[in-house]
Protein backbone atom coordinates (compact mmCIF):
# COMPACT_ATOMS: atom_id res chain seq x y z
CA MET A 1 -12.26 11.03 -27.22
CA ASP A 2 -8.74 8.98 -27.81
CA ASP A 3 -8.75 5.15 -28.20
CA GLU A 4 -4.80 4.70 -26.63
CA LEU A 5 -4.24 3.95 -23.35
CA VAL A 6 -4.87 6.52 -20.43
CA PRO A 7 -2.31 6.62 -18.51
CA ALA A 8 -3.03 6.45 -14.34
CA VAL A 9 -1.98 8.08 -11.41
CA LEU A 10 -2.74 6.59 -7.85
CA LEU A 11 -2.41 8.87 -4.93
CA ALA A 12 -1.24 6.20 -2.06
CA ALA A 13 0.59 9.39 -0.30
CA GLY A 14 -0.53 10.70 3.03
CA LEU A 15 0.61 10.42 6.46
CA SER A 16 -2.92 8.74 7.50
CA ARG A 17 -2.99 10.57 11.02
CA ARG A 18 -6.91 9.79 11.78
CA LEU A 19 -6.12 6.27 10.99
CA GLY A 20 -3.03 5.76 12.58
CA ARG A 21 -1.93 3.52 9.84
CA PRO A 22 -0.93 3.86 6.34
CA LYS A 23 -4.27 3.98 4.64
CA ALA A 24 -2.66 1.95 1.17
CA LEU A 25 -1.65 -0.80 3.27
CA VAL A 26 -4.84 -1.40 5.12
CA LYS A 27 -6.29 -4.94 4.37
CA VAL A 28 -9.67 -5.30 3.64
CA HIS A 29 -11.41 -8.55 2.65
CA GLY A 30 -7.90 -10.13 2.49
CA SER A 31 -6.13 -7.01 -0.35
CA GLU A 32 -4.46 -4.14 0.56
CA LEU A 33 -6.03 -0.80 -0.74
CA VAL A 34 -3.21 0.19 -3.10
CA VAL A 35 -3.45 -3.28 -5.01
CA TRP A 36 -7.36 -3.02 -4.66
CA VAL A 37 -7.21 0.26 -6.87
CA TYR A 38 -4.38 -0.60 -8.84
CA ASN A 39 -5.68 -3.57 -10.34
CA ARG A 40 -9.10 -2.07 -11.19
CA LEU A 41 -6.87 0.42 -12.51
CA ILE A 42 -5.58 -2.10 -14.88
CA GLN A 43 -8.29 -4.00 -15.62
CA ALA A 44 -9.82 -0.64 -17.37
CA GLY A 45 -7.39 -0.61 -19.29
CA CYS A 46 -5.04 2.36 -17.59
CA PHE A 47 -1.31 1.92 -18.68
CA PRO A 48 0.90 3.28 -16.98
CA VAL A 49 0.10 3.28 -13.55
CA VAL A 50 1.90 5.25 -11.30
CA VAL A 51 1.86 5.10 -7.56
CA ALA A 52 2.50 8.31 -5.98
CA ASN A 53 3.49 7.59 -2.58
CA ASP A 54 5.57 8.89 0.60
CA ASP A 55 6.89 6.64 3.72
CA THR A 56 5.73 3.15 2.42
CA LEU A 57 8.17 2.94 -0.57
CA ALA A 58 9.59 -0.89 0.51
CA SER A 59 5.91 -1.88 0.88
CA ILE A 60 4.54 -0.91 -2.31
CA ASN A 61 7.00 -2.06 -4.28
CA LEU A 62 6.74 -5.52 -2.84
CA LEU A 63 2.96 -5.66 -3.07
CA LEU A 64 3.63 -3.95 -6.88
CA PRO A 65 6.53 -5.13 -8.57
CA SER A 66 5.60 -4.02 -12.15
CA ALA A 67 4.10 -0.74 -11.12
CA HIS A 68 5.97 2.61 -11.28
CA VAL A 69 6.50 4.12 -7.86
CA VAL A 70 7.10 7.74 -7.17
CA VAL A 71 7.76 9.12 -3.77
CA ASN A 72 6.36 12.48 -2.59
CA PRO A 73 8.95 14.18 -0.44
CA GLU A 74 6.37 16.57 1.08
CA PRO A 75 3.13 14.87 1.92
CA ASP A 76 1.76 17.59 3.72
CA ALA A 77 1.47 19.86 0.72
CA GLY A 78 -1.38 18.74 0.30
CA ARG A 79 -3.13 16.17 -2.59
CA THR A 80 -1.94 18.37 -5.68
CA LYS A 81 1.68 17.84 -5.00
CA SER A 82 1.10 14.04 -5.34
CA LEU A 83 -0.56 14.49 -8.25
CA GLN A 84 2.36 16.87 -9.95
CA ILE A 85 4.76 14.00 -9.07
CA GLY A 86 2.50 11.55 -10.39
CA ILE A 87 1.82 13.51 -13.83
CA ARG A 88 5.79 14.24 -14.21
CA ALA A 89 6.51 10.54 -13.77
CA VAL A 90 3.94 9.42 -16.39
CA GLU A 91 5.72 12.21 -18.46
CA HIS A 92 9.20 10.50 -18.10
CA LEU A 93 7.86 6.99 -19.03
CA LEU A 94 5.78 8.49 -21.82
CA GLU A 95 8.21 10.59 -23.02
CA ARG A 96 5.81 13.03 -23.50
CA THR A 97 2.59 15.04 -21.84
CA PRO A 98 0.20 12.70 -22.25
CA LYS A 99 -3.52 13.79 -23.67
CA ARG A 100 -5.72 12.29 -20.61
CA VAL A 101 -5.03 11.15 -17.34
CA VAL A 102 -7.01 8.79 -14.58
CA MET A 103 -6.46 10.25 -10.65
CA ALA A 104 -7.39 7.98 -8.49
CA PRO A 105 -6.83 7.93 -4.74
CA VAL A 106 -6.18 5.13 -2.30
CA ASP A 107 -8.72 6.22 0.12
CA ARG A 108 -11.77 6.47 -1.91
CA PRO A 109 -11.98 2.68 -3.27
CA VAL A 110 -15.67 2.27 -3.82
CA TRP A 111 -15.73 1.90 -7.53
CA ASN A 112 -15.50 -0.91 -9.98
CA VAL A 113 -14.06 -1.27 -13.59
CA ALA A 114 -17.90 -0.89 -15.18
CA LEU A 115 -17.53 2.86 -13.42
CA LEU A 116 -13.93 3.93 -14.47
CA ARG A 117 -14.84 2.44 -18.57
CA GLY A 118 -18.00 4.68 -18.24
CA LEU A 119 -15.86 7.69 -17.43
CA LEU A 120 -13.17 7.02 -20.39
CA ALA A 121 -15.78 7.14 -22.69
CA CYS A 122 -16.65 10.19 -22.09
CA ASP A 123 -14.86 13.57 -23.53
CA GLY A 124 -13.35 16.07 -21.28
CA ASN A 125 -12.93 16.31 -17.79
CA VAL A 126 -15.47 14.05 -15.70
CA ALA A 127 -16.09 12.88 -12.29
CA PRO A 128 -18.61 10.49 -11.35
CA SER A 129 -21.68 11.73 -9.13
CA TYR A 130 -24.20 10.72 -6.99
CA GLN A 131 -26.68 12.22 -5.81
CA ASN A 132 -25.41 15.62 -7.21
CA ARG A 133 -22.06 14.85 -5.27
CA LYS A 134 -18.97 14.36 -7.19
CA GLY A 135 -16.51 11.89 -6.16
CA HIS A 136 -13.19 10.18 -7.68
CA PRO A 137 -12.03 8.27 -9.93
CA VAL A 138 -11.49 11.65 -12.37
CA VAL A 139 -10.20 11.90 -16.23
CA MET A 140 -8.94 14.79 -16.70
CA ASP A 141 -8.03 15.72 -20.50
CA ALA A 142 -4.97 17.73 -21.89
CA GLU A 143 -5.81 21.34 -20.68
CA ALA A 144 -6.32 20.15 -17.33
CA ILE A 145 -3.15 18.45 -17.01
CA GLN A 146 -1.37 21.56 -17.89
CA ALA A 147 -3.57 23.44 -15.04
CA VAL A 148 -2.76 20.99 -12.60
CA LEU A 149 1.28 21.54 -13.29
CA ARG A 150 0.94 25.02 -13.08
CA ALA A 151 -1.09 25.37 -10.07
CA GLU A 152 0.24 25.94 -6.05
CA PRO A 153 0.92 22.25 -4.86
CA ASP A 154 -1.44 23.09 -1.72
CA ARG A 155 -4.48 23.98 -3.99
CA PRO A 156 -7.86 21.88 -3.94
CA LEU A 157 -8.08 19.87 -7.52
CA ARG A 158 -11.24 21.11 -7.20
CA ASP A 159 -10.40 24.59 -7.56
CA VAL A 160 -7.76 23.92 -10.44
CA VAL A 161 -10.42 21.80 -12.58
CA ALA A 162 -14.18 21.97 -13.18
CA PHE A 163 -15.41 18.37 -13.75
CA ASN A 164 -18.42 17.32 -15.62
CA PRO A 165 -20.39 14.94 -13.51
CA LEU A 166 -21.43 11.39 -14.79
CA PRO A 167 -24.76 10.51 -12.89
CA LEU A 168 -24.53 6.84 -11.28
CA SER A 169 -26.19 4.63 -9.05
CA ALA A 170 -23.08 4.40 -6.44
CA PRO A 171 -24.37 5.01 -2.69
CA TYR A 172 -20.98 3.98 -1.29
CA LEU A 173 -19.01 6.23 -3.79
CA HIS A 174 -18.30 8.93 -1.35
CA LEU A 175 -17.26 6.34 1.33
CA ASN A 176 -13.67 7.99 2.32
CA ILE A 177 -11.46 5.70 4.65
CA ASP A 178 -9.65 8.10 6.81
CA THR A 179 -10.74 6.59 10.66
CA GLU A 180 -11.24 2.75 12.06
CA ASP A 181 -14.67 3.36 12.06
CA ASP A 182 -14.64 4.15 7.93
CA LEU A 183 -13.03 0.61 7.83
CA ALA A 184 -15.70 -0.76 10.34
CA THR A 185 -18.37 0.68 7.85
CA LEU A 186 -16.85 -1.02 4.72
CA GLY A 187 -16.70 -4.36 6.54
CA SER A 188 -19.86 -4.38 7.66
CA PHE A 189 -21.40 -3.36 4.31
CA LEU A 190 -19.20 -6.01 2.14
CA ALA A 191 -22.57 -7.41 0.80
CA GLU A 192 -24.06 -3.97 -0.27
CA LEU A 193 -21.26 -3.14 -1.99
CA LYS A 194 -21.00 -5.59 -3.72
CA ASP A 195 -24.68 -5.24 -4.81
CA CYS A 196 -23.71 -1.64 -5.88
CA PHE A 197 -22.14 -2.25 -9.19
CA PRO A 198 -23.30 -4.35 -12.05
CA GLU A 199 -20.51 -6.22 -12.37
CA GLY A 200 -20.43 -6.98 -8.52
CA GLU A 201 -17.18 -5.96 -8.05
CA GLY A 202 -17.70 -4.40 -4.71
CA ILE A 203 -14.90 -4.62 -1.69
């Protein structure tokens, strides 16, 4: 485990056809999802944080003026394509390939700073796990980063990197913001979400 700051790629790309609007800009409890996730990455000690985006570049730049936002010109190519673009941007900023990187998708936002710090305290490739099911965010080591960069853009990350599970008590870890019903579920469980985490940092 390395004590240096770990960069992160925040995946905010995706056309959100089922939701009907950009997921990154959806407001929950007064905060856009992309802002909520970005702030927790920074608070957990990640730097730099690259936001991989598609057609909401101007809006995200306004919301996060200190973030480095890159565009995925082919959002339909798959999440791995966005991750590759994000990692390349991290390499450009650091002028080297990072030893580790965090990946956090904007549509899986139900985690807190304590959870991510727990992941960062582990070695290797690690993902949070609840009831034997892995979730996000994830941490990748140098070997995994190279595997991602070599992968076909449409290949699922789970087929590229084998993540070790870190079992946690996080009942809402797998909530995926993909439809209006998902947003309604998120909004209806705000109190429970706060209770999910030891620091009370639910949405």
